Amino acid sequence: MKMTILTLLAGSTLAISSCGAGKDQPATPINADQFEKLYENKDNDGKRFSLTGYPYLNSDVTVRNDMEIAVSLFSQPKGKGDYIASIDLGYKDNKNGMYIPDKFTADDLQVFDKEGNSLGVNDKITISFEMELDTRRPPRTGIKKLEKDENGHPKMVEQKPAYYGDGPSDIIIEKAK
């Protein structure tokens, strides 16, 4: 009987402690440079981070009900200022998601916070997320991207090794304070 109670207690403690992960975890605020490097460190897997900026759609998108659409964050409203990052948001999700009508301009973007309140391109938002990386296999190598050199000329550079994975998940959107 004692062994059964101890086993149940241990199992309950493990279940309760694992509930603290994910959306309940406090998010670490990061900037654009830090966001770009999240895939490089396997220790980021399962941790929560947040970005703050103004939502904007950079280009036309094809919309289907069951998809996610990359919404960019900028330091100023309406796609002005510095580019911060792009985060995939669920389309037609009335909480922690986004919506655009069939015919739209970038100003028509609606982002819904965690309570379902509609926010737009003039609202500063904070998006927190859990980083999902596949740390069971070695990171990808040999990936190149276009950057500008010291004279502003484009050149191809090899990125640091990066882990596979879905990246930002368990999105929470809030109006920034």
N, C-alpha and C. Protein backbone atom coordinates (compact mmCIF):
# COMPACT_ATOMS: atom_id res chain seq x y z
N MET A 1 0.83 -1.20 0.00
CA MET A 1 0.00 0.00 0.00
C MET A 1 0.87 1.26 0.00
N LYS A 2 1.93 1.27 0.86
CA LYS A 2 2.82 2.42 0.92
C LYS A 2 3.48 2.67 -0.43
N MET A 3 3.88 1.58 -1.09
CA MET A 3 4.55 1.69 -2.38
C MET A 3 3.61 2.29 -3.41
N THR A 4 2.35 1.89 -3.40
CA THR A 4 1.37 2.42 -4.34
C THR A 4 1.17 3.91 -4.13
N ILE A 5 1.08 4.33 -2.88
CA ILE A 5 0.89 5.76 -2.56
C ILE A 5 2.12 6.56 -3.00
N LEU A 6 3.32 6.03 -2.72
CA LEU A 6 4.54 6.72 -3.12
C LEU A 6 4.63 6.84 -4.64
N THR A 7 4.24 5.78 -5.35
CA THR A 7 4.26 5.81 -6.82
C THR A 7 3.29 6.85 -7.34
N LEU A 8 2.09 6.89 -6.78
CA LEU A 8 1.10 7.89 -7.19
C LEU A 8 1.58 9.30 -6.89
N LEU A 9 2.18 9.49 -5.72
CA LEU A 9 2.70 10.81 -5.35
C LEU A 9 3.79 11.26 -6.32
N ALA A 10 4.71 10.36 -6.65
CA ALA A 10 5.80 10.69 -7.58
C ALA A 10 5.24 11.03 -8.95
N GLY A 11 4.28 10.25 -9.42
CA GLY A 11 3.66 10.52 -10.72
C GLY A 11 2.93 11.85 -10.74
N SER A 12 2.22 12.16 -9.67
CA SER A 12 1.50 13.44 -9.58
C SER A 12 2.45 14.61 -9.57
N THR A 13 3.54 14.48 -8.83
CA THR A 13 4.53 15.55 -8.77
C THR A 13 5.14 15.80 -10.15
N LEU A 14 5.45 14.72 -10.87
CA LEU A 14 6.01 14.86 -12.21
C LEU A 14 5.00 15.52 -13.14
N ALA A 15 3.75 15.12 -13.07
CA ALA A 15 2.72 15.70 -13.93
C ALA A 15 2.52 17.18 -13.63
N ILE A 16 2.51 17.54 -12.38
CA ILE A 16 2.33 18.94 -12.00
C ILE A 16 3.53 19.77 -12.44
N SER A 17 4.74 19.25 -12.25
CA SER A 17 5.92 20.03 -12.63
C SER A 17 6.02 20.21 -14.13
N SER A 18 5.53 19.24 -14.91
CA SER A 18 5.60 19.39 -16.36
C SER A 18 4.55 20.36 -16.88
N CYS A 19 3.53 20.66 -16.08
CA CYS A 19 2.51 21.62 -16.50
C CYS A 19 3.05 23.04 -16.53
N GLY A 20 4.18 23.30 -15.88
CA GLY A 20 4.71 24.65 -15.82
C GLY A 20 5.38 25.10 -17.11
N ALA A 21 5.59 24.19 -18.04
CA ALA A 21 6.24 24.56 -19.29
C ALA A 21 5.26 25.21 -20.24
N GLY A 22 5.76 25.72 -21.34
CA GLY A 22 4.90 26.25 -22.38
C GLY A 22 4.37 27.63 -22.09
N LYS A 23 3.05 27.80 -22.32
CA LYS A 23 2.44 29.12 -22.26
C LYS A 23 2.50 29.78 -20.88
N ASP A 24 2.65 28.97 -19.80
CA ASP A 24 2.68 29.55 -18.46
C ASP A 24 4.07 30.09 -18.10
N GLN A 25 5.06 29.72 -18.85
CA GLN A 25 6.43 30.13 -18.59
C GLN A 25 6.61 31.61 -18.95
N PRO A 26 7.34 32.39 -18.14
CA PRO A 26 7.57 33.78 -18.55
C PRO A 26 8.46 33.83 -19.79
N ALA A 27 8.19 34.79 -20.66
CA ALA A 27 8.95 34.93 -21.91
C ALA A 27 10.11 35.90 -21.72
N THR A 28 11.23 35.56 -22.34
CA THR A 28 12.41 36.44 -22.33
C THR A 28 12.31 37.38 -23.53
N PRO A 29 12.25 38.70 -23.30
CA PRO A 29 12.21 39.64 -24.44
C PRO A 29 13.52 39.58 -25.22
N ILE A 30 13.41 39.56 -26.55
CA ILE A 30 14.59 39.52 -27.40
C ILE A 30 14.45 40.55 -28.52
N ASN A 31 15.57 40.85 -29.17
CA ASN A 31 15.56 41.79 -30.29
C ASN A 31 15.73 41.02 -31.61
N ALA A 32 15.78 41.75 -32.71
CA ALA A 32 15.86 41.13 -34.04
C ALA A 32 17.10 40.25 -34.19
N ASP A 33 18.26 40.73 -33.74
CA ASP A 33 19.49 39.94 -33.87
C ASP A 33 19.40 38.64 -33.07
N GLN A 34 18.85 38.71 -31.88
CA GLN A 34 18.71 37.51 -31.05
C GLN A 34 17.72 36.53 -31.68
N PHE A 35 16.65 37.06 -32.27
CA PHE A 35 15.66 36.19 -32.93
C PHE A 35 16.31 35.40 -34.05
N GLU A 36 17.15 36.06 -34.85
CA GLU A 36 17.82 35.39 -35.97
C GLU A 36 18.70 34.23 -35.50
N LYS A 37 19.17 34.27 -34.27
CA LYS A 37 20.10 33.26 -33.78
C LYS A 37 19.45 32.17 -32.93
N LEU A 38 18.12 32.22 -32.75
CA LEU A 38 17.45 31.23 -31.89
C LEU A 38 17.65 29.79 -32.36
N TYR A 39 17.74 29.57 -33.67
CA TYR A 39 17.91 28.22 -34.22
C TYR A 39 19.32 27.68 -34.02
N GLU A 40 20.26 28.52 -33.64
CA GLU A 40 21.66 28.11 -33.54
C GLU A 40 21.99 27.42 -32.22
N ASN A 41 21.18 27.59 -31.20
CA ASN A 41 21.51 27.07 -29.87
C ASN A 41 20.45 26.08 -29.42
N LYS A 42 20.84 24.83 -29.22
CA LYS A 42 19.88 23.80 -28.83
C LYS A 42 19.27 24.07 -27.46
N ASP A 43 19.92 24.87 -26.64
CA ASP A 43 19.38 25.20 -25.32
C ASP A 43 18.12 26.06 -25.40
N ASN A 44 17.84 26.64 -26.58
CA ASN A 44 16.63 27.44 -26.75
C ASN A 44 15.37 26.59 -26.91
N ASP A 45 15.53 25.30 -27.15
CA ASP A 45 14.39 24.41 -27.33
C ASP A 45 13.53 24.41 -26.06
N GLY A 46 12.23 24.67 -26.24
CA GLY A 46 11.28 24.65 -25.13
C GLY A 46 11.22 25.92 -24.31
N LYS A 47 12.06 26.89 -24.60
CA LYS A 47 12.04 28.16 -23.85
C LYS A 47 11.11 29.16 -24.53
N ARG A 48 10.56 30.07 -23.73
CA ARG A 48 9.67 31.12 -24.25
C ARG A 48 10.44 32.42 -24.45
N PHE A 49 10.15 33.07 -25.57
CA PHE A 49 10.74 34.35 -25.93
C PHE A 49 9.63 35.29 -26.37
N SER A 50 9.93 36.58 -26.44
CA SER A 50 8.93 37.52 -26.95
C SER A 50 9.58 38.60 -27.79
N LEU A 51 8.80 39.08 -28.76
CA LEU A 51 9.19 40.19 -29.63
C LEU A 51 8.11 41.26 -29.55
N THR A 52 8.50 42.51 -29.64
CA THR A 52 7.53 43.61 -29.59
C THR A 52 7.73 44.49 -30.81
N GLY A 53 6.61 44.84 -31.45
CA GLY A 53 6.66 45.71 -32.62
C GLY A 53 5.27 45.90 -33.19
N TYR A 54 5.22 46.47 -34.37
CA TYR A 54 3.96 46.74 -35.06
C TYR A 54 3.76 45.71 -36.17
N PRO A 55 2.57 45.04 -36.21
CA PRO A 55 2.34 44.02 -37.23
C PRO A 55 2.15 44.61 -38.61
N TYR A 56 2.60 43.88 -39.63
CA TYR A 56 2.47 44.36 -41.00
C TYR A 56 2.63 43.19 -41.97
N LEU A 57 1.89 43.23 -43.06
CA LEU A 57 2.08 42.26 -44.14
C LEU A 57 2.89 42.94 -45.23
N ASN A 58 4.04 42.37 -45.55
CA ASN A 58 4.95 42.97 -46.53
C ASN A 58 4.47 42.84 -47.96
N SER A 59 3.70 41.79 -48.24
CA SER A 59 3.35 41.52 -49.63
C SER A 59 1.99 40.85 -49.71
N ASP A 60 1.53 40.65 -50.93
CA ASP A 60 0.28 39.93 -51.13
C ASP A 60 0.43 38.50 -50.65
N VAL A 61 -0.68 37.95 -50.19
CA VAL A 61 -0.67 36.56 -49.74
C VAL A 61 -1.88 35.84 -50.34
N THR A 62 -1.72 34.55 -50.54
CA THR A 62 -2.85 33.72 -50.93
C THR A 62 -3.42 33.16 -49.64
N VAL A 63 -4.72 33.32 -49.45
CA VAL A 63 -5.34 32.99 -48.18
C VAL A 63 -6.19 31.73 -48.31
N ARG A 64 -5.95 30.79 -47.38
CA ARG A 64 -6.81 29.61 -47.22
C ARG A 64 -7.13 29.52 -45.73
N ASN A 65 -8.27 28.96 -45.40
CA ASN A 65 -8.73 28.93 -44.01
C ASN A 65 -7.80 28.22 -43.04
N ASP A 66 -7.11 27.19 -43.46
CA ASP A 66 -6.36 26.35 -42.54
C ASP A 66 -4.86 26.60 -42.57
N MET A 67 -4.46 27.80 -42.86
CA MET A 67 -3.04 28.04 -43.02
C MET A 67 -2.51 29.04 -41.99
N GLU A 68 -1.20 29.15 -41.97
CA GLU A 68 -0.55 30.20 -41.19
C GLU A 68 0.08 31.17 -42.16
N ILE A 69 0.09 32.43 -41.78
CA ILE A 69 0.63 33.48 -42.64
C ILE A 69 1.71 34.23 -41.85
N ALA A 70 2.84 34.48 -42.50
CA ALA A 70 3.93 35.20 -41.85
C ALA A 70 3.57 36.68 -41.73
N VAL A 71 3.45 37.13 -40.50
CA VAL A 71 3.19 38.54 -40.21
C VAL A 71 4.49 39.13 -39.69
N SER A 72 4.92 40.23 -40.31
CA SER A 72 6.17 40.87 -39.92
C SER A 72 5.94 41.85 -38.80
N LEU A 73 6.97 42.07 -38.01
CA LEU A 73 6.97 43.09 -36.97
C LEU A 73 8.01 44.14 -37.34
N PHE A 74 7.61 45.41 -37.21
CA PHE A 74 8.50 46.53 -37.47
C PHE A 74 8.56 47.43 -36.25
N SER A 75 9.57 48.27 -36.19
CA SER A 75 9.74 49.16 -35.04
C SER A 75 8.78 50.35 -35.08
N GLN A 76 8.17 50.61 -36.24
CA GLN A 76 7.21 51.71 -36.38
C GLN A 76 5.98 51.20 -37.13
N PRO A 77 4.84 51.88 -36.98
CA PRO A 77 3.62 51.43 -37.65
C PRO A 77 3.74 51.41 -39.18
N LYS A 78 2.89 50.58 -39.79
CA LYS A 78 2.72 50.49 -41.24
C LYS A 78 3.98 50.09 -42.00
N GLY A 79 4.76 49.20 -41.40
CA GLY A 79 5.95 48.67 -42.09
C GLY A 79 7.10 49.64 -42.17
N LYS A 80 7.11 50.63 -41.34
CA LYS A 80 8.19 51.62 -41.34
C LYS A 80 9.17 51.30 -40.21
N GLY A 81 10.32 51.90 -40.30
CA GLY A 81 11.34 51.66 -39.28
C GLY A 81 12.09 50.38 -39.54
N ASP A 82 12.68 49.83 -38.51
CA ASP A 82 13.49 48.62 -38.64
C ASP A 82 12.62 47.38 -38.65
N TYR A 83 12.99 46.45 -39.52
CA TYR A 83 12.36 45.13 -39.54
C TYR A 83 12.84 44.36 -38.32
N ILE A 84 11.92 43.73 -37.60
CA ILE A 84 12.29 42.97 -36.40
C ILE A 84 12.30 41.48 -36.70
N ALA A 85 11.18 40.95 -37.18
CA ALA A 85 11.07 39.51 -37.44
C ALA A 85 9.74 39.22 -38.11
N SER A 86 9.57 37.99 -38.57
CA SER A 86 8.29 37.50 -39.07
C SER A 86 7.90 36.28 -38.26
N ILE A 87 6.63 36.24 -37.87
CA ILE A 87 6.09 35.12 -37.08
C ILE A 87 4.86 34.60 -37.81
N ASP A 88 4.77 33.28 -37.95
CA ASP A 88 3.59 32.68 -38.58
C ASP A 88 2.42 32.70 -37.60
N LEU A 89 1.31 33.30 -38.04
CA LEU A 89 0.09 33.35 -37.23
C LEU A 89 -1.01 32.59 -37.95
N GLY A 90 -1.85 31.93 -37.18
CA GLY A 90 -2.97 31.20 -37.73
C GLY A 90 -3.96 32.16 -38.37
N TYR A 91 -4.44 31.80 -39.57
CA TYR A 91 -5.40 32.63 -40.29
C TYR A 91 -6.80 32.32 -39.80
N LYS A 92 -7.57 33.36 -39.56
CA LYS A 92 -8.94 33.28 -39.05
C LYS A 92 -8.99 32.71 -37.64
N ASP A 93 -7.89 32.76 -36.91
CA ASP A 93 -7.91 32.40 -35.49
C ASP A 93 -8.34 33.63 -34.72
N ASN A 94 -9.44 33.53 -34.00
CA ASN A 94 -9.98 34.69 -33.28
C ASN A 94 -9.25 35.00 -31.99
N LYS A 95 -8.31 34.17 -31.62
CA LYS A 95 -7.44 34.44 -30.47
C LYS A 95 -6.03 34.05 -30.89
N ASN A 96 -5.08 34.94 -30.64
CA ASN A 96 -3.68 34.69 -30.98
C ASN A 96 -3.49 34.34 -32.45
N GLY A 97 -4.22 35.05 -33.31
CA GLY A 97 -4.13 34.80 -34.74
C GLY A 97 -4.34 36.08 -35.53
N MET A 98 -4.70 35.94 -36.81
CA MET A 98 -4.85 37.11 -37.66
C MET A 98 -5.94 36.89 -38.70
N TYR A 99 -6.37 37.99 -39.32
CA TYR A 99 -7.38 37.94 -40.36
C TYR A 99 -7.16 39.07 -41.35
N ILE A 100 -7.35 38.78 -42.63
CA ILE A 100 -7.40 39.80 -43.67
C ILE A 100 -8.57 39.44 -44.58
N PRO A 101 -9.27 40.45 -45.10
CA PRO A 101 -10.37 40.15 -46.02
C PRO A 101 -9.81 39.66 -47.36
N ASP A 102 -10.70 39.13 -48.21
CA ASP A 102 -10.27 38.60 -49.52
C ASP A 102 -9.55 39.65 -50.35
N LYS A 103 -10.08 40.86 -50.37
CA LYS A 103 -9.41 41.98 -51.06
C LYS A 103 -8.96 42.93 -49.97
N PHE A 104 -7.68 43.21 -49.94
CA PHE A 104 -7.16 43.99 -48.81
C PHE A 104 -5.97 44.84 -49.21
N THR A 105 -5.70 45.79 -48.36
CA THR A 105 -4.43 46.51 -48.38
C THR A 105 -3.72 46.13 -47.08
N ALA A 106 -2.49 46.49 -46.96
CA ALA A 106 -1.73 46.15 -45.75
C ALA A 106 -2.39 46.73 -44.50
N ASP A 107 -3.09 47.85 -44.64
CA ASP A 107 -3.74 48.48 -43.48
C ASP A 107 -4.93 47.68 -42.96
N ASP A 108 -5.43 46.71 -43.75
CA ASP A 108 -6.60 45.93 -43.34
C ASP A 108 -6.26 44.76 -42.42
N LEU A 109 -4.99 44.51 -42.17
CA LEU A 109 -4.58 43.41 -41.30
C LEU A 109 -5.20 43.56 -39.92
N GLN A 110 -5.79 42.48 -39.42
CA GLN A 110 -6.28 42.42 -38.05
C GLN A 110 -5.54 41.31 -37.33
N VAL A 111 -5.01 41.62 -36.17
CA VAL A 111 -4.36 40.63 -35.33
C VAL A 111 -5.20 40.53 -34.07
N PHE A 112 -5.45 39.30 -33.62
CA PHE A 112 -6.27 39.09 -32.43
C PHE A 112 -5.39 38.68 -31.26
N ASP A 113 -5.56 39.38 -30.13
CA ASP A 113 -4.76 39.06 -28.95
C ASP A 113 -5.31 37.80 -28.27
N LYS A 114 -4.74 37.47 -27.12
CA LYS A 114 -5.09 36.23 -26.43
C LYS A 114 -6.53 36.21 -25.94
N GLU A 115 -7.17 37.37 -25.86
CA GLU A 115 -8.57 37.45 -25.42
C GLU A 115 -9.53 37.67 -26.58
N GLY A 116 -9.01 37.75 -27.80
CA GLY A 116 -9.86 37.93 -28.97
C GLY A 116 -10.07 39.37 -29.38
N ASN A 117 -9.38 40.32 -28.74
CA ASN A 117 -9.49 41.73 -29.12
C ASN A 117 -8.75 41.97 -30.43
N SER A 118 -9.36 42.76 -31.31
CA SER A 118 -8.76 43.04 -32.61
C SER A 118 -7.76 44.19 -32.50
N LEU A 119 -6.57 43.97 -33.05
CA LEU A 119 -5.51 44.98 -33.10
C LEU A 119 -5.11 45.14 -34.56
N GLY A 120 -4.57 46.31 -34.92
CA GLY A 120 -4.19 46.56 -36.30
C GLY A 120 -2.76 47.02 -36.45
N VAL A 121 -2.47 47.55 -37.64
CA VAL A 121 -1.10 47.93 -37.98
C VAL A 121 -0.60 49.12 -37.17
N ASN A 122 -1.49 49.85 -36.52
CA ASN A 122 -1.08 50.99 -35.68
C ASN A 122 -0.96 50.63 -34.21
N ASP A 123 -1.18 49.35 -33.89
CA ASP A 123 -1.09 48.89 -32.50
C ASP A 123 0.22 48.15 -32.27
N LYS A 124 0.94 48.57 -31.25
CA LYS A 124 2.18 47.89 -30.89
C LYS A 124 1.80 46.64 -30.11
N ILE A 125 2.34 45.50 -30.53
CA ILE A 125 1.99 44.23 -29.91
C ILE A 125 3.24 43.50 -29.42
N THR A 126 3.02 42.60 -28.48
CA THR A 126 4.07 41.69 -28.03
C THR A 126 3.61 40.29 -28.37
N ILE A 127 4.45 39.57 -29.10
CA ILE A 127 4.17 38.17 -29.44
C ILE A 127 5.16 37.32 -28.66
N SER A 128 4.62 36.47 -27.79
CA SER A 128 5.49 35.53 -27.08
C SER A 128 5.28 34.15 -27.68
N PHE A 129 6.30 33.33 -27.61
CA PHE A 129 6.26 32.01 -28.25
C PHE A 129 7.24 31.07 -27.58
N GLU A 130 6.96 29.79 -27.76
CA GLU A 130 7.88 28.76 -27.31
C GLU A 130 8.69 28.30 -28.52
N MET A 131 9.98 28.16 -28.36
CA MET A 131 10.85 27.75 -29.45
C MET A 131 10.89 26.23 -29.53
N GLU A 132 10.55 25.68 -30.70
CA GLU A 132 10.58 24.23 -30.92
C GLU A 132 11.73 23.89 -31.86
N LEU A 133 12.72 23.19 -31.32
CA LEU A 133 13.86 22.75 -32.12
C LEU A 133 13.99 21.24 -32.02
N ASP A 134 14.46 20.62 -33.09
CA ASP A 134 14.71 19.19 -33.07
C ASP A 134 16.18 19.00 -32.71
N THR A 135 16.41 18.72 -31.45
CA THR A 135 17.79 18.58 -30.96
C THR A 135 18.26 17.13 -30.99
N ARG A 136 17.43 16.23 -31.52
CA ARG A 136 17.80 14.81 -31.60
C ARG A 136 18.76 14.55 -32.75
N ARG A 137 18.85 15.45 -33.68
CA ARG A 137 19.78 15.26 -34.79
C ARG A 137 20.70 16.48 -34.87
N PRO A 138 21.83 16.31 -35.54
CA PRO A 138 22.79 17.43 -35.60
C PRO A 138 22.22 18.61 -36.38
N PRO A 139 22.74 19.79 -36.11
CA PRO A 139 22.25 20.98 -36.82
C PRO A 139 22.60 20.96 -38.30
N ARG A 140 21.82 21.71 -39.08
CA ARG A 140 22.08 21.86 -40.53
C ARG A 140 23.32 22.72 -40.70
N THR A 141 24.09 22.40 -41.71
CA THR A 141 25.28 23.21 -42.02
C THR A 141 25.27 23.53 -43.51
N GLY A 142 26.11 24.45 -43.93
CA GLY A 142 26.26 24.78 -45.33
C GLY A 142 25.15 25.66 -45.89
N ILE A 143 24.35 26.25 -45.03
CA ILE A 143 23.26 27.12 -45.48
C ILE A 143 23.85 28.51 -45.73
N LYS A 144 23.54 29.05 -46.91
CA LYS A 144 24.07 30.36 -47.26
C LYS A 144 22.93 31.36 -47.38
N LYS A 145 23.24 32.63 -47.10
CA LYS A 145 22.25 33.68 -47.30
C LYS A 145 22.95 34.92 -47.83
N LEU A 146 22.15 35.77 -48.44
CA LEU A 146 22.66 37.00 -49.04
C LEU A 146 22.74 38.10 -47.98
N GLU A 147 23.89 38.70 -47.84
CA GLU A 147 24.09 39.83 -46.92
C GLU A 147 24.86 40.92 -47.66
N LYS A 148 24.91 42.09 -47.08
CA LYS A 148 25.69 43.18 -47.66
C LYS A 148 27.04 43.27 -46.98
N ASP A 149 28.08 43.53 -47.78
CA ASP A 149 29.41 43.70 -47.20
C ASP A 149 29.55 45.12 -46.67
N GLU A 150 30.75 45.47 -46.23
CA GLU A 150 30.99 46.79 -45.62
C GLU A 150 30.75 47.95 -46.59
N ASN A 151 30.78 47.68 -47.90
CA ASN A 151 30.52 48.72 -48.90
C ASN A 151 29.07 48.72 -49.39
N GLY A 152 28.24 47.85 -48.80
CA GLY A 152 26.85 47.78 -49.21
C GLY A 152 26.58 46.89 -50.39
N HIS A 153 27.60 46.14 -50.84
CA HIS A 153 27.44 45.24 -51.97
C HIS A 153 26.96 43.87 -51.48
N PRO A 154 26.07 43.23 -52.21
CA PRO A 154 25.59 41.91 -51.78
C PRO A 154 26.67 40.83 -51.92
N LYS A 155 26.68 39.92 -50.96
CA LYS A 155 27.59 38.78 -51.01
C LYS A 155 26.93 37.61 -50.29
N MET A 156 27.29 36.40 -50.71
CA MET A 156 26.76 35.18 -50.08
C MET A 156 27.67 34.82 -48.90
N VAL A 157 27.06 34.56 -47.76
CA VAL A 157 27.82 34.14 -46.58
C VAL A 157 27.18 32.87 -46.01
N GLU A 158 28.03 32.02 -45.45
CA GLU A 158 27.52 30.79 -44.84
C GLU A 158 27.06 31.10 -43.42
N GLN A 159 25.85 30.63 -43.10
CA GLN A 159 25.30 30.82 -41.77
C GLN A 159 25.91 29.82 -40.80
N LYS A 160 25.79 30.13 -39.53
CA LYS A 160 26.23 29.19 -38.51
C LYS A 160 25.31 27.97 -38.53
N PRO A 161 25.78 26.83 -38.03
CA PRO A 161 24.90 25.66 -37.98
C PRO A 161 23.60 25.99 -37.25
N ALA A 162 22.48 25.47 -37.77
CA ALA A 162 21.16 25.75 -37.20
C ALA A 162 20.40 24.44 -37.03
N TYR A 163 19.66 24.35 -35.94
CA TYR A 163 18.87 23.15 -35.67
C TYR A 163 17.57 23.17 -36.47
N TYR A 164 17.13 22.00 -36.87
CA TYR A 164 15.82 21.85 -37.51
C TYR A 164 14.76 22.11 -36.45
N GLY A 165 13.54 22.29 -36.89
CA GLY A 165 12.43 22.43 -35.95
C GLY A 165 11.38 23.38 -36.47
N ASP A 166 10.27 23.43 -35.77
CA ASP A 166 9.15 24.29 -36.17
C ASP A 166 9.36 25.74 -35.76
N GLY A 167 10.32 26.00 -34.89
CA GLY A 167 10.55 27.37 -34.45
C GLY A 167 9.45 27.85 -33.52
N PRO A 168 9.02 29.10 -33.69
CA PRO A 168 8.01 29.66 -32.77
C PRO A 168 6.68 28.89 -32.80
N SER A 169 6.21 28.49 -31.62
CA SER A 169 4.92 27.82 -31.49
C SER A 169 4.27 28.29 -30.19
N ASP A 170 3.06 27.83 -29.91
CA ASP A 170 2.33 28.26 -28.71
C ASP A 170 2.34 29.79 -28.59
N ILE A 171 1.89 30.45 -29.65
CA ILE A 171 1.90 31.91 -29.76
C ILE A 171 0.90 32.54 -28.79
N ILE A 172 1.32 33.60 -28.14
CA ILE A 172 0.43 34.44 -27.33
C ILE A 172 0.66 35.89 -27.79
N ILE A 173 -0.44 36.58 -28.13
CA ILE A 173 -0.36 37.97 -28.58
C ILE A 173 -1.01 38.86 -27.55
N GLU A 174 -0.31 39.94 -27.21
CA GLU A 174 -0.84 40.93 -26.26
C GLU A 174 -0.54 42.33 -26.80
N LYS A 175 -1.40 43.28 -26.45
CA LYS A 175 -1.10 44.67 -26.79
C LYS A 175 0.07 45.09 -25.90
N ALA A 176 1.08 45.70 -26.51
CA ALA A 176 2.28 46.11 -25.75
C ALA A 176 1.94 47.24 -24.80
N LYS A 177 2.62 47.23 -23.68
CA LYS A 177 2.38 48.25 -22.66
C LYS A 177 3.29 49.43 -22.86
